[in-house]
Amino acid sequence: MIVKTSVSEAQVMREVLMNYCSMSGQEVNIKKSHVIFGTGVTHREGIIIERKLQMSQATCPIQYLGVSIG
C-alpha cells in the first residue's frame, strides 16, 4: 500500500491491516513485511512509524516472489 508518510497515517494503516485480518481470517506476516520510505522522511519519523507498524524498514531494490523491485 502507498500512503502519505506520517505517524497518524501509520496508525490508520495498522488499523486497516488488523481489520482486514479479523474480517478475512487471514494474518499479515509482520516478519516478512517491511516499510519503504520516500524522500523527506526524517530518521526519527521513520523509527516511530516502524515501531507503530511493527515492521522494519527495507531499502530498494527489494525481492518480491524472487523478482527484484526497485
PDB file of N, CA and C in Angstrom:
ATOM      1  N   MET A   1       0.823  -1.174   0.000  1.00  0.00           N
ATOM      2  CA  MET A   1       0.000   0.000   0.000  1.00  0.00           C
ATOM      3  C   MET A   1       0.872   1.242   0.000  1.00  0.00           C
ATOM      4  N   ILE A   2       0.407   2.262  -0.618  1.00  0.00           N
ATOM      5  CA  ILE A   2       1.124   3.527  -0.640  1.00  0.00           C
ATOM      6  C   ILE A   2       0.277   4.536   0.127  1.00  0.00           C
ATOM      7  N   VAL A   3       0.886   5.133   1.136  1.00  0.00           N
ATOM      8  CA  VAL A   3       0.182   6.124   1.944  1.00  0.00           C
ATOM      9  C   VAL A   3       1.094   7.307   2.208  1.00  0.00           C
ATOM     10  N   LYS A   4       0.501   8.418   2.604  1.00  0.00           N
ATOM     11  CA  LYS A   4       1.263   9.590   2.999  1.00  0.00           C
ATOM     12  C   LYS A   4       2.060   9.228   4.247  1.00  0.00           C
ATOM     13  N   THR A   5       3.297   9.688   4.307  1.00  0.00           N
ATOM     14  CA  THR A   5       4.163   9.353   5.429  1.00  0.00           C
ATOM     15  C   THR A   5       3.892  10.256   6.606  1.00  0.00           C
ATOM     16  N   SER A   6       3.273   9.699   7.632  1.00  0.00           N
ATOM     17  CA  SER A   6       3.073  10.405   8.889  1.00  0.00           C
ATOM     18  C   SER A   6       2.744   9.364   9.952  1.00  0.00           C
ATOM     19  N   VAL A   7       2.960   9.734  11.184  1.00  0.00           N
ATOM     20  CA  VAL A   7       2.684   8.822  12.291  1.00  0.00           C
ATOM     21  C   VAL A   7       1.194   8.511  12.351  1.00  0.00           C
ATOM     22  N   SER A   8       0.343   9.516  12.129  1.00  0.00           N
ATOM     23  CA  SER A   8      -1.104   9.274  12.180  1.00  0.00           C
ATOM     24  C   SER A   8      -1.548   8.340  11.056  1.00  0.00           C
ATOM     25  N   GLU A   9      -0.971   8.480   9.870  1.00  0.00           N
ATOM     26  CA  GLU A   9      -1.300   7.582   8.760  1.00  0.00           C
ATOM     27  C   GLU A   9      -0.810   6.161   9.046  1.00  0.00           C
ATOM     28  N   ALA A  10       0.325   6.042   9.728  1.00  0.00           N
ATOM     29  CA  ALA A  10       0.831   4.719  10.106  1.00  0.00           C
ATOM     30  C   ALA A  10      -0.151   4.033  11.044  1.00  0.00           C
ATOM     31  N   GLN A  11      -0.730   4.794  11.966  1.00  0.00           N
ATOM     32  CA  GLN A  11      -1.722   4.230  12.885  1.00  0.00           C
ATOM     33  C   GLN A  11      -2.954   3.755  12.118  1.00  0.00           C
ATOM     34  N   VAL A  12      -3.405   4.544  11.151  1.00  0.00           N
ATOM     35  CA  VAL A  12      -4.548   4.163  10.327  1.00  0.00           C
ATOM     36  C   VAL A  12      -4.220   2.894   9.542  1.00  0.00           C
ATOM     37  N   MET A  13      -3.016   2.824   8.972  1.00  0.00           N
ATOM     38  CA  MET A  13      -2.596   1.648   8.208  1.00  0.00           C
ATOM     39  C   MET A  13      -2.599   0.404   9.085  1.00  0.00           C
ATOM     40  N   ARG A  14      -2.108   0.544  10.296  1.00  0.00           N
ATOM     41  CA  ARG A  14      -2.099  -0.584  11.234  1.00  0.00           C
ATOM     42  C   ARG A  14      -3.532  -1.053  11.517  1.00  0.00           C
ATOM     43  N   GLU A  15      -4.432  -0.122  11.722  1.00  0.00           N
ATOM     44  CA  GLU A  15      -5.830  -0.464  11.980  1.00  0.00           C
ATOM     45  C   GLU A  15      -6.471  -1.145  10.772  1.00  0.00           C
ATOM     46  N   VAL A  16      -6.159  -0.661   9.565  1.00  0.00           N
ATOM     47  CA  VAL A  16      -6.681  -1.283   8.344  1.00  0.00           C
ATOM     48  C   VAL A  16      -6.194  -2.727   8.242  1.00  0.00           C
ATOM     49  N   LEU A  17      -4.920  -2.946   8.484  1.00  0.00           N
ATOM     50  CA  LEU A  17      -4.376  -4.307   8.427  1.00  0.00           C
ATOM     51  C   LEU A  17      -5.029  -5.218   9.457  1.00  0.00           C
ATOM     52  N   MET A  18      -5.199  -4.724  10.678  1.00  0.00           N
ATOM     53  CA  MET A  18      -5.807  -5.542  11.729  1.00  0.00           C
ATOM     54  C   MET A  18      -7.278  -5.822  11.432  1.00  0.00           C
ATOM     55  N   ASN A  19      -8.001  -4.840  10.892  1.00  0.00           N
ATOM     56  CA  ASN A  19      -9.393  -5.060  10.496  1.00  0.00           C
ATOM     57  C   ASN A  19      -9.484  -6.089   9.376  1.00  0.00           C
ATOM     58  N   TYR A  20      -8.594  -5.983   8.411  1.00  0.00           N
ATOM     59  CA  TYR A  20      -8.559  -6.963   7.321  1.00  0.00           C
ATOM     60  C   TYR A  20      -8.360  -8.377   7.877  1.00  0.00           C
ATOM     61  N   CYS A  21      -7.414  -8.508   8.785  1.00  0.00           N
ATOM     62  CA  CYS A  21      -7.141  -9.817   9.371  1.00  0.00           C
ATOM     63  C   CYS A  21      -8.354 -10.372  10.109  1.00  0.00           C
ATOM     64  N   SER A  22      -9.000  -9.543  10.897  1.00  0.00           N
ATOM     65  CA  SER A  22     -10.140 -10.025  11.677  1.00  0.00           C
ATOM     66  C   SER A  22     -11.333 -10.369  10.783  1.00  0.00           C
ATOM     67  N   MET A  23     -11.523  -9.639   9.686  1.00  0.00           N
ATOM     68  CA  MET A  23     -12.666  -9.906   8.813  1.00  0.00           C
ATOM     69  C   MET A  23     -12.410 -11.076   7.869  1.00  0.00           C
ATOM     70  N   SER A  24     -11.170 -11.234   7.421  1.00  0.00           N
ATOM     71  CA  SER A  24     -10.875 -12.263   6.418  1.00  0.00           C
ATOM     72  C   SER A  24     -10.448 -13.591   7.039  1.00  0.00           C
ATOM     73  N   GLY A  25     -10.009 -13.546   8.295  1.00  0.00           N
ATOM     74  CA  GLY A  25      -9.467 -14.756   8.905  1.00  0.00           C
ATOM     75  C   GLY A  25      -8.019 -15.016   8.510  1.00  0.00           C
ATOM     76  N   GLN A  26      -7.464 -14.140   7.691  1.00  0.00           N
ATOM     77  CA  GLN A  26      -6.062 -14.267   7.294  1.00  0.00           C
ATOM     78  C   GLN A  26      -5.206 -13.451   8.251  1.00  0.00           C
ATOM     79  N   GLU A  27      -3.890 -13.675   8.182  1.00  0.00           N
ATOM     80  CA  GLU A  27      -2.969 -12.917   9.022  1.00  0.00           C
ATOM     81  C   GLU A  27      -1.866 -12.311   8.178  1.00  0.00           C
ATOM     82  N   VAL A  28      -1.459 -11.124   8.543  1.00  0.00           N
ATOM     83  CA  VAL A  28      -0.309 -10.484   7.915  1.00  0.00           C
ATOM     84  C   VAL A  28       0.933 -10.999   8.628  1.00  0.00           C
ATOM     85  N   ASN A  29       1.898 -11.491   7.858  1.00  0.00           N
ATOM     86  CA  ASN A  29       3.143 -11.959   8.443  1.00  0.00           C
ATOM     87  C   ASN A  29       4.059 -10.748   8.624  1.00  0.00           C
ATOM     88  N   ILE A  30       4.052 -10.202   9.825  1.00  0.00           N
ATOM     89  CA  ILE A  30       4.825  -8.993  10.117  1.00  0.00           C
ATOM     90  C   ILE A  30       6.319  -9.223   9.905  1.00  0.00           C
ATOM     91  N   LYS A  31       6.801 -10.433  10.166  1.00  0.00           N
ATOM     92  CA  LYS A  31       8.229 -10.723   9.992  1.00  0.00           C
ATOM     93  C   LYS A  31       8.653 -10.621   8.531  1.00  0.00           C
ATOM     94  N   LYS A  32       7.714 -10.829   7.604  1.00  0.00           N
ATOM     95  CA  LYS A  32       8.023 -10.737   6.174  1.00  0.00           C
ATOM     96  C   LYS A  32       7.600  -9.398   5.582  1.00  0.00           C
ATOM     97  N   SER A  33       7.033  -8.534   6.403  1.00  0.00           N
ATOM     98  CA  SER A  33       6.533  -7.245   5.923  1.00  0.00           C
ATOM     99  C   SER A  33       7.515  -6.136   6.262  1.00  0.00           C
ATOM    100  N   HIS A  34       7.632  -5.179   5.370  1.00  0.00           N
ATOM    101  CA  HIS A  34       8.553  -4.064   5.561  1.00  0.00           C
ATOM    102  C   HIS A  34       7.883  -2.775   5.121  1.00  0.00           C
ATOM    103  N   VAL A  35       8.461  -1.686   5.557  1.00  0.00           N
ATOM    104  CA  VAL A  35       8.022  -0.373   5.138  1.00  0.00           C
ATOM    105  C   VAL A  35       9.167   0.256   4.338  1.00  0.00           C
ATOM    106  N   ILE A  36       8.811   0.965   3.271  1.00  0.00           N
ATOM    107  CA  ILE A  36       9.802   1.680   2.454  1.00  0.00           C
ATOM    108  C   ILE A  36       9.398   3.147   2.454  1.00  0.00           C
ATOM    109  N   PHE A  37      10.326   4.013   2.830  1.00  0.00           N
ATOM    110  CA  PHE A  37      10.049   5.443   2.897  1.00  0.00           C
ATOM    111  C   PHE A  37      10.563   6.148   1.663  1.00  0.00           C
ATOM    112  N   GLY A  38       9.813   7.137   1.233  1.00  0.00           N
ATOM    113  CA  GLY A  38      10.265   8.006   0.165  1.00  0.00           C
ATOM    114  C   GLY A  38      11.174   9.087   0.735  1.00  0.00           C
ATOM    115  N   THR A  39      11.489  10.049  -0.080  1.00  0.00           N
ATOM    116  CA  THR A  39      12.352  11.138   0.368  1.00  0.00           C
ATOM    117  C   THR A  39      11.596  12.039   1.332  1.00  0.00           C
ATOM    118  N   GLY A  40      12.319  12.723   2.165  1.00  0.00           N
ATOM    119  CA  GLY A  40      11.711  13.694   3.073  1.00  0.00           C
ATOM    120  C   GLY A  40      11.276  13.140   4.408  1.00  0.00           C
ATOM    121  N   VAL A  41      11.481  11.859   4.655  1.00  0.00           N
ATOM    122  CA  VAL A  41      11.122  11.267   5.945  1.00  0.00           C
ATOM    123  C   VAL A  41      12.354  11.334   6.838  1.00  0.00           C
ATOM    124  N   THR A  42      12.210  11.976   7.987  1.00  0.00           N
ATOM    125  CA  THR A  42      13.351  12.075   8.894  1.00  0.00           C
ATOM    126  C   THR A  42      13.613  10.723   9.552  1.00  0.00           C
ATOM    127  N   HIS A  43      14.818  10.559  10.030  1.00  0.00           N
ATOM    128  CA  HIS A  43      15.186   9.316  10.712  1.00  0.00           C
ATOM    129  C   HIS A  43      14.265   9.064  11.896  1.00  0.00           C
ATOM    130  N   ARG A  44      13.981  10.109  12.646  1.00  0.00           N
ATOM    131  CA  ARG A  44      13.107   9.987  13.830  1.00  0.00           C
ATOM    132  C   ARG A  44      11.698   9.545  13.435  1.00  0.00           C
ATOM    133  N   GLU A  45      11.140  10.165  12.390  1.00  0.00           N
ATOM    134  CA  GLU A  45       9.808   9.773  11.912  1.00  0.00           C
ATOM    135  C   GLU A  45       9.801   8.310  11.474  1.00  0.00           C
ATOM    136  N   GLY A  46      10.847   7.923  10.772  1.00  0.00           N
ATOM    137  CA  GLY A  46      10.957   6.542  10.302  1.00  0.00           C
ATOM    138  C   GLY A  46      10.943   5.545  11.446  1.00  0.00           C
ATOM    139  N   ILE A  47      11.697   5.836  12.493  1.00  0.00           N
ATOM    140  CA  ILE A  47      11.752   4.952  13.664  1.00  0.00           C
ATOM    141  C   ILE A  47      10.373   4.847  14.314  1.00  0.00           C
ATOM    142  N   ILE A  48       9.700   5.969  14.484  1.00  0.00           N
ATOM    143  CA  ILE A  48       8.377   5.971  15.116  1.00  0.00           C
ATOM    144  C   ILE A  48       7.389   5.151  14.282  1.00  0.00           C
ATOM    145  N   ILE A  49       7.414   5.336  12.966  1.00  0.00           N
ATOM    146  CA  ILE A  49       6.497   4.615  12.083  1.00  0.00           C
ATOM    147  C   ILE A  49       6.808   3.120  12.081  1.00  0.00           C
ATOM    148  N   GLU A  50       8.076   2.764  12.039  1.00  0.00           N
ATOM    149  CA  GLU A  50       8.458   1.349  12.112  1.00  0.00           C
ATOM    150  C   GLU A  50       7.894   0.710  13.378  1.00  0.00           C
ATOM    151  N   ARG A  51       8.029   1.386  14.488  1.00  0.00           N
ATOM    152  CA  ARG A  51       7.518   0.856  15.756  1.00  0.00           C
ATOM    153  C   ARG A  51       5.994   0.759  15.743  1.00  0.00           C
ATOM    154  N   LYS A  52       5.346   1.773  15.197  1.00  0.00           N
ATOM    155  CA  LYS A  52       3.880   1.793  15.149  1.00  0.00           C
ATOM    156  C   LYS A  52       3.360   0.621  14.317  1.00  0.00           C
ATOM    157  N   LEU A  53       4.015   0.362  13.179  1.00  0.00           N
ATOM    158  CA  LEU A  53       3.589  -0.721  12.291  1.00  0.00           C
ATOM    159  C   LEU A  53       4.166  -2.076  12.692  1.00  0.00           C
ATOM    160  N   GLN A  54       5.158  -2.060  13.569  1.00  0.00           N
ATOM    161  CA  GLN A  54       5.883  -3.261  13.980  1.00  0.00           C
ATOM    162  C   GLN A  54       6.551  -3.931  12.779  1.00  0.00           C
ATOM    163  N   MET A  55       7.071  -3.086  11.881  1.00  0.00           N
ATOM    164  CA  MET A  55       7.762  -3.553  10.678  1.00  0.00           C
ATOM    165  C   MET A  55       9.093  -2.839  10.564  1.00  0.00           C
ATOM    166  N   SER A  56      10.066  -3.532  10.002  1.00  0.00           N
ATOM    167  CA  SER A  56      11.360  -2.888   9.791  1.00  0.00           C
ATOM    168  C   SER A  56      11.375  -2.207   8.424  1.00  0.00           C
ATOM    169  N   GLN A  57      12.331  -1.324   8.264  1.00  0.00           N
ATOM    170  CA  GLN A  57      12.460  -0.595   7.004  1.00  0.00           C
ATOM    171  C   GLN A  57      13.253  -1.424   6.013  1.00  0.00           C
ATOM    172  N   ALA A  58      12.807  -1.440   4.792  1.00  0.00           N
ATOM    173  CA  ALA A  58      13.535  -2.088   3.705  1.00  0.00           C
ATOM    174  C   ALA A  58      14.078  -1.007   2.784  1.00  0.00           C
ATOM    175  N   THR A  59      15.113  -1.336   2.068  1.00  0.00           N
ATOM    176  CA  THR A  59      15.657  -0.412   1.079  1.00  0.00           C
ATOM    177  C   THR A  59      15.549  -1.051  -0.296  1.00  0.00           C
ATOM    178  N   CYS A  60      15.387  -0.229  -1.296  1.00  0.00           N
ATOM    179  CA  CYS A  60      15.275  -0.718  -2.670  1.00  0.00           C
ATOM    180  C   CYS A  60      16.644  -1.094  -3.199  1.00  0.00           C
ATOM    181  N   PRO A  61      16.752  -2.069  -4.041  1.00  0.00           N
ATOM    182  CA  PRO A  61      15.651  -2.893  -4.535  1.00  0.00           C
ATOM    183  C   PRO A  61      15.274  -3.973  -3.514  1.00  0.00           C
ATOM    184  N   ILE A  62      14.017  -4.392  -3.565  1.00  0.00           N
ATOM    185  CA  ILE A  62      13.541  -5.477  -2.719  1.00  0.00           C
ATOM    186  C   ILE A  62      13.228  -6.678  -3.598  1.00  0.00           C
ATOM    187  N   GLN A  63      13.113  -7.833  -3.000  1.00  0.00           N
ATOM    188  CA  GLN A  63      12.733  -9.048  -3.728  1.00  0.00           C
ATOM    189  C   GLN A  63      11.273  -9.352  -3.427  1.00  0.00           C
ATOM    190  N   TYR A  64      10.476  -9.553  -4.455  1.00  0.00           N
ATOM    191  CA  TYR A  64       9.086  -9.968  -4.294  1.00  0.00           C
ATOM    192  C   TYR A  64       8.860 -11.161  -5.201  1.00  0.00           C
ATOM    193  N   LEU A  65       8.569 -12.304  -4.599  1.00  0.00           N
ATOM    194  CA  LEU A  65       8.405 -13.545  -5.335  1.00  0.00           C
ATOM    195  C   LEU A  65       9.592 -13.801  -6.252  1.00  0.00           C
ATOM    196  N   GLY A  66      10.779 -13.503  -5.741  1.00  0.00           N
ATOM    197  CA  GLY A  66      12.001 -13.753  -6.473  1.00  0.00           C
ATOM    198  C   GLY A  66      12.359 -12.710  -7.516  1.00  0.00           C
ATOM    199  N   VAL A  67      11.535 -11.677  -7.649  1.00  0.00           N
ATOM    200  CA  VAL A  67      11.788 -10.628  -8.643  1.00  0.00           C
ATOM    201  C   VAL A  67      12.276  -9.374  -7.922  1.00  0.00           C
ATOM    202  N   SER A  68      13.344  -8.785  -8.446  1.00  0.00           N
ATOM    203  CA  SER A  68      13.893  -7.564  -7.869  1.00  0.00           C
ATOM    204  C   SER A  68      13.024  -6.377  -8.274  1.00  0.00           C
ATOM    205  N   ILE A  69      12.556  -5.629  -7.255  1.00  0.00           N
ATOM    206  CA  ILE A  69      11.712  -4.450  -7.498  1.00  0.00           C
ATOM    207  C   ILE A  69      12.406  -3.235  -6.898  1.00  0.00           C
ATOM    208  N   GLY A  70      12.542  -2.202  -7.640  1.00  0.00           N
ATOM    209  CA  GLY A  70      13.226  -1.037  -7.103  1.00  0.00           C
ATOM    210  C   GLY A  70      12.821   0.194  -7.785  1.00  0.00           C
TER     211      GLY A  70
END
